[in-house]
PDB file of N, CA and C in Angstrom:
ATOM      1  N   MET A   1     -57.361  -0.596  33.295  1.00  0.00           N
ATOM      2  CA  MET A   1     -58.070  -0.230  34.011  1.00  0.00           C
ATOM      3  C   MET A   1     -59.565  -0.538  34.367  1.00  0.00           C
ATOM      4  N   LYS A   2     -60.654  -0.900  35.491  1.00  0.00           N
ATOM      5  CA  LYS A   2     -61.796  -1.794  34.997  1.00  0.00           C
ATOM      6  C   LYS A   2     -61.996  -0.089  35.404  1.00  0.00           C
ATOM      7  N   PHE A   3     -62.105   0.780  36.359  1.00  0.00           N
ATOM      8  CA  PHE A   3     -62.500   1.940  36.783  1.00  0.00           C
ATOM      9  C   PHE A   3     -61.986   3.567  36.658  1.00  0.00           C
ATOM     10  N   ASN A   4     -62.204   4.424  36.439  1.00  0.00           N
ATOM     11  CA  ASN A   4     -61.595   5.771  35.818  1.00  0.00           C
ATOM     12  C   ASN A   4     -61.439   6.098  37.643  1.00  0.00           C
ATOM     13  N   VAL A   5     -60.562   5.948  37.972  1.00  0.00           N
ATOM     14  CA  VAL A   5     -59.464   6.730  39.753  1.00  0.00           C
ATOM     15  C   VAL A   5     -59.657   8.219  39.615  1.00  0.00           C
ATOM     16  N   MET A   6     -59.936   8.474  38.370  1.00  0.00           N
ATOM     17  CA  MET A   6     -59.931   9.894  38.921  1.00  0.00           C
ATOM     18  C   MET A   6     -61.819  10.395  38.611  1.00  0.00           C
ATOM     19  N   GLU A   7     -62.479   9.574  38.764  1.00  0.00           N
ATOM     20  CA  GLU A   7     -64.254  10.288  39.374  1.00  0.00           C
ATOM     21  C   GLU A   7     -64.453  10.094  40.581  1.00  0.00           C
ATOM     22  N   HIS A   8     -62.960   9.800  41.592  1.00  0.00           N
ATOM     23  CA  HIS A   8     -63.350   8.917  43.046  1.00  0.00           C
ATOM     24  C   HIS A   8     -63.694  10.357  43.970  1.00  0.00           C
ATOM     25  N   ARG A   9     -64.103  10.195  44.527  1.00  0.00           N
ATOM     26  CA  ARG A   9     -63.972  11.740  45.149  1.00  0.00           C
ATOM     27  C   ARG A   9     -62.572  12.701  46.244  1.00  0.00           C
ATOM     28  N   LEU A  10     -62.097  11.023  46.498  1.00  0.00           N
ATOM     29  CA  LEU A  10     -60.685  11.394  47.233  1.00  0.00           C
ATOM     30  C   LEU A  10     -59.543  11.883  46.335  1.00  0.00           C
ATOM     31  N   VAL A  11     -59.581  11.731  45.067  1.00  0.00           N
ATOM     32  CA  VAL A  11     -58.676  11.767  44.223  1.00  0.00           C
ATOM     33  C   VAL A  11     -58.701  13.530  43.222  1.00  0.00           C
ATOM     34  N   PRO A  12     -57.420  14.387  43.747  1.00  0.00           N
ATOM     35  CA  PRO A  12     -57.447  15.167  43.013  1.00  0.00           C
ATOM     36  C   PRO A  12     -57.171  15.554  41.468  1.00  0.00           C
ATOM     37  N   GLU A  13     -57.835  16.635  41.327  1.00  0.00           N
ATOM     38  CA  GLU A  13     -57.557  16.804  39.947  1.00  0.00           C
ATOM     39  C   GLU A  13     -56.073  16.980  39.317  1.00  0.00           C
ATOM     40  N   HIS A  14     -55.969  16.006  38.170  1.00  0.00           N
ATOM     41  CA  HIS A  14     -54.575  16.467  37.100  1.00  0.00           C
ATOM     42  C   HIS A  14     -54.694  16.777  35.714  1.00  0.00           C
ATOM     43  N   HIS A  15     -53.522  17.277  35.442  1.00  0.00           N
ATOM     44  CA  HIS A  15     -53.623  17.810  34.545  1.00  0.00           C
ATOM     45  C   HIS A  15     -51.848  18.071  33.936  1.00  0.00           C
ATOM     46  N   LEU A  16     -51.754  17.552  32.911  1.00  0.00           N
ATOM     47  CA  LEU A  16     -50.018  17.639  32.516  1.00  0.00           C
ATOM     48  C   LEU A  16     -50.026  19.401  31.645  1.00  0.00           C
ATOM     49  N   VAL A  17     -48.856  19.554  32.312  1.00  0.00           N
ATOM     50  CA  VAL A  17     -48.557  21.070  32.217  1.00  0.00           C
ATOM     51  C   VAL A  17     -47.943  21.265  30.730  1.00  0.00           C
ATOM     52  N   SER A  18     -48.144  22.548  29.957  1.00  0.00           N
ATOM     53  CA  SER A  18     -47.535  22.331  28.687  1.00  0.00           C
ATOM     54  C   SER A  18     -46.243  23.245  29.000  1.00  0.00           C
ATOM     55  N   ASP A  19     -44.894  22.880  27.467  1.00  0.00           N
ATOM     56  CA  ASP A  19     -43.679  23.244  27.891  1.00  0.00           C
ATOM     57  C   ASP A  19     -43.542  24.739  28.353  1.00  0.00           C
ATOM     58  N   LYS A  20     -44.190  25.340  27.820  1.00  0.00           N
ATOM     59  CA  LYS A  20     -44.572  27.367  28.083  1.00  0.00           C
ATOM     60  C   LYS A  20     -44.453  27.303  29.191  1.00  0.00           C
ATOM     61  N   GLU A  21     -45.965  26.952  29.900  1.00  0.00           N
ATOM     62  CA  GLU A  21     -46.458  26.641  31.198  1.00  0.00           C
ATOM     63  C   GLU A  21     -45.048  25.910  32.579  1.00  0.00           C
ATOM     64  N   GLU A  22     -44.469  25.201  31.773  1.00  0.00           N
ATOM     65  CA  GLU A  22     -43.598  25.021  32.733  1.00  0.00           C
ATOM     66  C   GLU A  22     -42.836  25.694  33.780  1.00  0.00           C
ATOM     67  N   ASP A  23     -42.320  26.224  32.141  1.00  0.00           N
ATOM     68  CA  ASP A  23     -41.021  27.474  32.471  1.00  0.00           C
ATOM     69  C   ASP A  23     -41.363  28.683  33.322  1.00  0.00           C
ATOM     70  N   LYS A  24     -42.896  29.099  33.059  1.00  0.00           N
ATOM     71  CA  LYS A  24     -43.404  29.987  34.144  1.00  0.00           C
ATOM     72  C   LYS A  24     -43.643  29.244  35.407  1.00  0.00           C
ATOM     73  N   ILE A  25     -43.885  28.463  35.503  1.00  0.00           N
ATOM     74  CA  ILE A  25     -44.170  27.712  37.050  1.00  0.00           C
ATOM     75  C   ILE A  25     -42.567  27.661  37.672  1.00  0.00           C
ATOM     76  N   LEU A  26     -41.613  27.418  36.866  1.00  0.00           N
ATOM     77  CA  LEU A  26     -40.464  26.885  37.999  1.00  0.00           C
ATOM     78  C   LEU A  26     -39.692  28.353  38.214  1.00  0.00           C
ATOM     79  N   LYS A  27     -39.831  29.398  36.809  1.00  0.00           N
ATOM     80  CA  LYS A  27     -39.277  30.462  37.301  1.00  0.00           C
ATOM     81  C   LYS A  27     -39.866  31.255  38.926  1.00  0.00           C
ATOM     82  N   GLY A  28     -41.525  30.849  38.709  1.00  0.00           N
ATOM     83  CA  GLY A  28     -42.093  31.629  39.746  1.00  0.00           C
ATOM     84  C   GLY A  28     -41.505  30.823  41.256  1.00  0.00           C
ATOM     85  N   LEU A  29     -40.952  29.815  40.912  1.00  0.00           N
ATOM     86  CA  LEU A  29     -40.852  29.340  42.277  1.00  0.00           C
ATOM     87  C   LEU A  29     -39.510  29.379  42.679  1.00  0.00           C
ATOM     88  N   ASN A  30     -38.896  29.760  41.783  1.00  0.00           N
ATOM     89  CA  ASN A  30     -37.396  29.222  41.554  1.00  0.00           C
ATOM     90  C   ASN A  30     -36.637  28.385  42.349  1.00  0.00           C
ATOM     91  N   ILE A  31     -37.017  27.143  41.420  1.00  0.00           N
ATOM     92  CA  ILE A  31     -36.723  25.967  41.574  1.00  0.00           C
ATOM     93  C   ILE A  31     -36.447  25.164  40.656  1.00  0.00           C
ATOM     94  N   HIS A  32     -35.263  24.104  39.942  1.00  0.00           N
ATOM     95  CA  HIS A  32     -34.959  23.576  38.600  1.00  0.00           C
ATOM     96  C   HIS A  32     -36.328  22.385  38.830  1.00  0.00           C
ATOM     97  N   LYS A  33     -36.235  21.847  37.778  1.00  0.00           N
ATOM     98  CA  LYS A  33     -37.320  20.198  37.229  1.00  0.00           C
ATOM     99  C   LYS A  33     -36.993  19.367  38.536  1.00  0.00           C
ATOM    100  N   ASP A  34     -35.546  19.178  38.611  1.00  0.00           N
ATOM    101  CA  ASP A  34     -35.914  18.123  39.270  1.00  0.00           C
ATOM    102  C   ASP A  34     -35.685  18.019  40.893  1.00  0.00           C
ATOM    103  N   GLN A  35     -36.080  19.204  41.566  1.00  0.00           N
ATOM    104  CA  GLN A  35     -36.073  19.493  42.713  1.00  0.00           C
ATOM    105  C   GLN A  35     -38.092  19.024  42.548  1.00  0.00           C
ATOM    106  N   LEU A  36     -38.221  19.086  42.345  1.00  0.00           N
ATOM    107  CA  LEU A  36     -40.075  18.696  42.027  1.00  0.00           C
ATOM    108  C   LEU A  36     -40.047  17.418  43.060  1.00  0.00           C
ATOM    109  N   PRO A  37     -41.457  17.447  43.705  1.00  0.00           N
ATOM    110  CA  PRO A  37     -41.509  15.748  43.895  1.00  0.00           C
ATOM    111  C   PRO A  37     -41.759  15.038  43.152  1.00  0.00           C
ATOM    112  N   LYS A  38     -41.754  14.050  43.213  1.00  0.00           N
ATOM    113  CA  LYS A  38     -41.357  12.798  41.970  1.00  0.00           C
ATOM    114  C   LYS A  38     -42.962  12.318  42.055  1.00  0.00           C
ATOM    115  N   ILE A  39     -43.708  11.606  41.078  1.00  0.00           N
ATOM    116  CA  ILE A  39     -44.843  11.080  40.554  1.00  0.00           C
ATOM    117  C   ILE A  39     -44.193   9.750  39.435  1.00  0.00           C
ATOM    118  N   ARG A  40     -44.897   8.440  39.402  1.00  0.00           N
ATOM    119  CA  ARG A  40     -44.547   7.476  38.611  1.00  0.00           C
ATOM    120  C   ARG A  40     -45.082   7.055  37.744  1.00  0.00           C
ATOM    121  N   ARG A  41     -44.535   6.938  36.115  1.00  0.00           N
ATOM    122  CA  ARG A  41     -45.977   6.957  34.847  1.00  0.00           C
ATOM    123  C   ARG A  41     -46.269   5.766  35.621  1.00  0.00           C
ATOM    124  N   GLN A  42     -46.180   5.017  36.491  1.00  0.00           N
ATOM    125  CA  GLN A  42     -47.523   4.059  36.615  1.00  0.00           C
ATOM    126  C   GLN A  42     -48.458   4.306  37.594  1.00  0.00           C
ATOM    127  N   ASP A  43     -48.268   5.153  38.098  1.00  0.00           N
ATOM    128  CA  ASP A  43     -49.575   5.640  38.401  1.00  0.00           C
ATOM    129  C   ASP A  43     -50.734   5.881  38.079  1.00  0.00           C
ATOM    130  N   PRO A  44     -51.969   4.910  38.683  1.00  0.00           N
ATOM    131  CA  PRO A  44     -52.971   5.116  37.808  1.00  0.00           C
ATOM    132  C   PRO A  44     -53.338   6.119  37.026  1.00  0.00           C
ATOM    133  N   CYS A  45     -53.338   7.092  37.776  1.00  0.00           N
ATOM    134  CA  CYS A  45     -53.636   9.055  36.775  1.00  0.00           C
ATOM    135  C   CYS A  45     -52.981   9.528  36.336  1.00  0.00           C
ATOM    136  N   VAL A  46     -51.536   8.826  35.987  1.00  0.00           N
ATOM    137  CA  VAL A  46     -50.453   9.377  34.885  1.00  0.00           C
ATOM    138  C   VAL A  46     -51.336   8.938  33.201  1.00  0.00           C
ATOM    139  N   GLN A  47     -51.533   6.998  33.759  1.00  0.00           N
ATOM    140  CA  GLN A  47     -51.830   6.329  32.583  1.00  0.00           C
ATOM    141  C   GLN A  47     -53.602   6.842  32.494  1.00  0.00           C
ATOM    142  N   LEU A  48     -53.983   7.474  33.369  1.00  0.00           N
ATOM    143  CA  LEU A  48     -54.978   8.131  32.345  1.00  0.00           C
ATOM    144  C   LEU A  48     -55.133   9.755  31.521  1.00  0.00           C
ATOM    145  N   LEU A  49     -54.235  10.081  32.029  1.00  0.00           N
ATOM    146  CA  LEU A  49     -53.262  11.082  31.601  1.00  0.00           C
ATOM    147  C   LEU A  49     -52.912  10.795  29.913  1.00  0.00           C
ATOM    148  N   GLU A  50     -52.384   9.590  30.140  1.00  0.00           N
ATOM    149  CA  GLU A  50     -51.871   8.969  29.005  1.00  0.00           C
ATOM    150  C   GLU A  50     -52.932   8.832  27.910  1.00  0.00           C
ATOM    151  N   ARG A  51     -53.884   7.900  28.106  1.00  0.00           N
ATOM    152  CA  ARG A  51     -55.121   7.812  27.511  1.00  0.00           C
ATOM    153  C   ARG A  51     -55.585   9.241  26.683  1.00  0.00           C
ATOM    154  N   LYS A  52     -55.988   9.657  27.885  1.00  0.00           N
ATOM    155  CA  LYS A  52     -56.480  11.168  27.051  1.00  0.00           C
ATOM    156  C   LYS A  52     -55.592  12.090  26.358  1.00  0.00           C
ATOM    157  N   HIS A  53     -54.446  12.154  26.488  1.00  0.00           N
ATOM    158  CA  HIS A  53     -53.712  12.767  25.952  1.00  0.00           C
ATOM    159  C   HIS A  53     -52.197  12.002  24.497  1.00  0.00           C
ATOM    160  N   GLY A  54     -52.017  11.050  24.904  1.00  0.00           N
ATOM    161  CA  GLY A  54     -51.358  10.459  24.240  1.00  0.00           C
ATOM    162  C   GLY A  54     -49.758  10.171  25.507  1.00  0.00           C
ATOM    163  N   PRO A  55     -49.046   9.351  24.830  1.00  0.00           N
ATOM    164  CA  PRO A  55     -47.809   8.939  25.890  1.00  0.00           C
ATOM    165  C   PRO A  55     -47.370   9.961  26.363  1.00  0.00           C
ATOM    166  N   VAL A  56     -46.753   9.890  27.844  1.00  0.00           N
ATOM    167  CA  VAL A  56     -46.852  10.589  28.709  1.00  0.00           C
ATOM    168  C   VAL A  56     -44.965  10.760  29.732  1.00  0.00           C
ATOM    169  N   GLU A  57     -44.020  11.731  29.005  1.00  0.00           N
ATOM    170  CA  GLU A  57     -42.357  10.911  28.886  1.00  0.00           C
ATOM    171  C   GLU A  57     -42.292  11.357  30.192  1.00  0.00           C
ATOM    172  N   GLU A  58     -40.783  11.244  30.847  1.00  0.00           N
ATOM    173  CA  GLU A  58     -40.645  11.009  32.270  1.00  0.00           C
ATOM    174  C   GLU A  58     -39.629  12.664  31.555  1.00  0.00           C
ATOM    175  N   GLY A  59     -40.091  13.336  32.703  1.00  0.00           N
ATOM    176  CA  GLY A  59     -39.834  14.442  32.944  1.00  0.00           C
ATOM    177  C   GLY A  59     -41.123  15.791  32.594  1.00  0.00           C
ATOM    178  N   ARG A  60     -41.992  15.555  32.297  1.00  0.00           N
ATOM    179  CA  ARG A  60     -43.441  16.276  31.776  1.00  0.00           C
ATOM    180  C   ARG A  60     -43.194  16.483  33.625  1.00  0.00           C
ATOM    181  N   VAL A  61     -44.250  17.649  33.831  1.00  0.00           N
ATOM    182  CA  VAL A  61     -44.606  18.197  35.075  1.00  0.00           C
ATOM    183  C   VAL A  61     -45.786  17.924  35.128  1.00  0.00           C
ATOM    184  N   VAL A  62     -46.667  17.123  36.072  1.00  0.00           N
ATOM    185  CA  VAL A  62     -47.681  17.303  36.013  1.00  0.00           C
ATOM    186  C   VAL A  62     -48.305  18.284  37.494  1.00  0.00           C
ATOM    187  N   LYS A  63     -49.521  18.958  36.807  1.00  0.00           N
ATOM    188  CA  LYS A  63     -50.306  19.690  37.572  1.00  0.00           C
ATOM    189  C   LYS A  63     -51.119  19.262  38.600  1.00  0.00           C
ATOM    190  N   ILE A  64     -51.323  19.452  39.934  1.00  0.00           N
ATOM    191  CA  ILE A  64     -52.200  18.814  40.806  1.00  0.00           C
ATOM    192  C   ILE A  64     -53.031  19.680  41.811  1.00  0.00           C
ATOM    193  N   VAL A  65     -54.349  19.792  41.375  1.00  0.00           N
ATOM    194  CA  VAL A  65     -55.036  20.505  42.569  1.00  0.00           C
ATOM    195  C   VAL A  65     -56.227  19.907  43.110  1.00  0.00           C
ATOM    196  N   ARG A  66     -55.969  20.699  44.453  1.00  0.00           N
ATOM    197  CA  ARG A  66     -56.902  19.680  45.480  1.00  0.00           C
ATOM    198  C   ARG A  66     -57.700  20.935  45.692  1.00  0.00           C
ATOM    199  N   LEU A  67     -58.728  20.281  46.027  1.00  0.00           N
ATOM    200  CA  LEU A  67     -59.603  20.848  47.292  1.00  0.00           C
ATOM    201  C   LEU A  67     -59.588  20.800  48.558  1.00  0.00           C
ATOM    202  N   SER A  68     -59.785  21.697  49.923  1.00  0.00           N
ATOM    203  CA  SER A  68     -59.803  22.080  51.056  1.00  0.00           C
ATOM    204  C   SER A  68     -60.534  23.217  51.720  1.00  0.00           C
ATOM    205  N   GLU A  69     -60.726  22.108  53.032  1.00  0.00           N
ATOM    206  CA  GLU A  69     -61.864  22.734  53.759  1.00  0.00           C
ATOM    207  C   GLU A  69     -61.358  24.199  54.056  1.00  0.00           C
ATOM    208  N   THR A  70     -60.123  24.148  54.641  1.00  0.00           N
ATOM    209  CA  THR A  70     -59.198  25.306  55.284  1.00  0.00           C
ATOM    210  C   THR A  70     -58.654  25.771  54.264  1.00  0.00           C
ATOM    211  N   ALA A  71     -57.808  25.474  53.182  1.00  0.00           N
ATOM    212  CA  ALA A  71     -56.791  26.412  52.486  1.00  0.00           C
ATOM    213  C   ALA A  71     -58.122  26.940  51.083  1.00  0.00           C
ATOM    214  N   GLY A  72     -59.168  26.032  50.766  1.00  0.00           N
ATOM    215  CA  GLY A  72     -59.724  26.350  49.366  1.00  0.00           C
ATOM    216  C   GLY A  72     -59.034  25.900  48.598  1.00  0.00           C
ATOM    217  N   VAL A  73     -58.360  26.671  47.778  1.00  0.00           N
ATOM    218  CA  VAL A  73     -57.942  25.710  46.711  1.00  0.00           C
ATOM    219  C   VAL A  73     -56.410  25.516  46.376  1.00  0.00           C
ATOM    220  N   SER A  74     -55.731  24.346  46.441  1.00  0.00           N
ATOM    221  CA  SER A  74     -54.344  24.463  47.433  1.00  0.00           C
ATOM    222  C   SER A  74     -53.271  22.904  45.691  1.00  0.00           C
ATOM    223  N   VAL A  75     -52.435  23.837  45.044  1.00  0.00           N
ATOM    224  CA  VAL A  75     -51.829  23.238  43.793  1.00  0.00           C
ATOM    225  C   VAL A  75     -50.336  23.299  43.579  1.00  0.00           C
ATOM    226  N   ALA A  76     -50.113  21.468  43.724  1.00  0.00           N
ATOM    227  CA  ALA A  76     -48.856  20.879  43.708  1.00  0.00           C
ATOM    228  C   ALA A  76     -48.223  20.609  41.816  1.00  0.00           C
ATOM    229  N   TYR A  77     -47.394  20.842  42.141  1.00  0.00           N
ATOM    230  CA  TYR A  77     -46.774  20.085  40.506  1.00  0.00           C
ATOM    231  C   TYR A  77     -45.824  18.794  40.616  1.00  0.00           C
ATOM    232  N   ARG A  78     -45.545  17.947  39.756  1.00  0.00           N
ATOM    233  CA  ARG A  78     -45.116  16.948  41.120  1.00  0.00           C
ATOM    234  C   ARG A  78     -44.608  16.448  38.933  1.00  0.00           C
ATOM    235  N   LEU A  79     -42.981  16.096  39.095  1.00  0.00           N
ATOM    236  CA  LEU A  79     -42.437  15.615  37.919  1.00  0.00           C
ATOM    237  C   LEU A  79     -42.106  14.412  37.721  1.00  0.00           C
ATOM    238  N   VAL A  80     -42.819  13.781  36.466  1.00  0.00           N
ATOM    239  CA  VAL A  80     -43.144  12.264  36.147  1.00  0.00           C
ATOM    240  C   VAL A  80     -41.933  11.841  35.820  1.00  0.00           C
ATOM    241  N   VAL A  81     -41.324  10.733  36.580  1.00  0.00           N
ATOM    242  CA  VAL A  81     -40.217   9.678  36.419  1.00  0.00           C
ATOM    243  C   VAL A  81     -40.602   8.054  36.500  1.00  0.00           C
ATOM    244  N   GLY A  82     -39.733   7.230  35.679  1.00  0.00           N
ATOM    245  CA  GLY A  82     -39.774   6.424  35.239  1.00  0.00           C
ATOM    246  C   GLY A  82     -39.663   4.751  36.161  1.00  0.00           C
ATOM    247  N   ARG A  83     -39.282   5.091  37.169  1.00  0.00           N
ATOM    248  CA  ARG A  83     -39.389   3.836  38.457  1.00  0.00           C
ATOM    249  C   ARG A  83     -39.176   4.915  39.666  1.00  0.00           C
TER     250      ARG A  83
END
């Protein structure tokens, strides 16, 4: 990658979720992991997470934190998929 997409002002923060935190989140939302929206491993943000944390396998959960003028802070979760 020629530049870090995470530094762009329109790209929200992306964080890998630990297994312990993942269980807590899924129980709180009362859903199964496969019901989360998906994000591909080829996504530039996931590729940057791989550079920082090592390989990101399919099935990991990514936390996305967006700043909003109306909502303040909005948190979303995505399931990493291969295709």
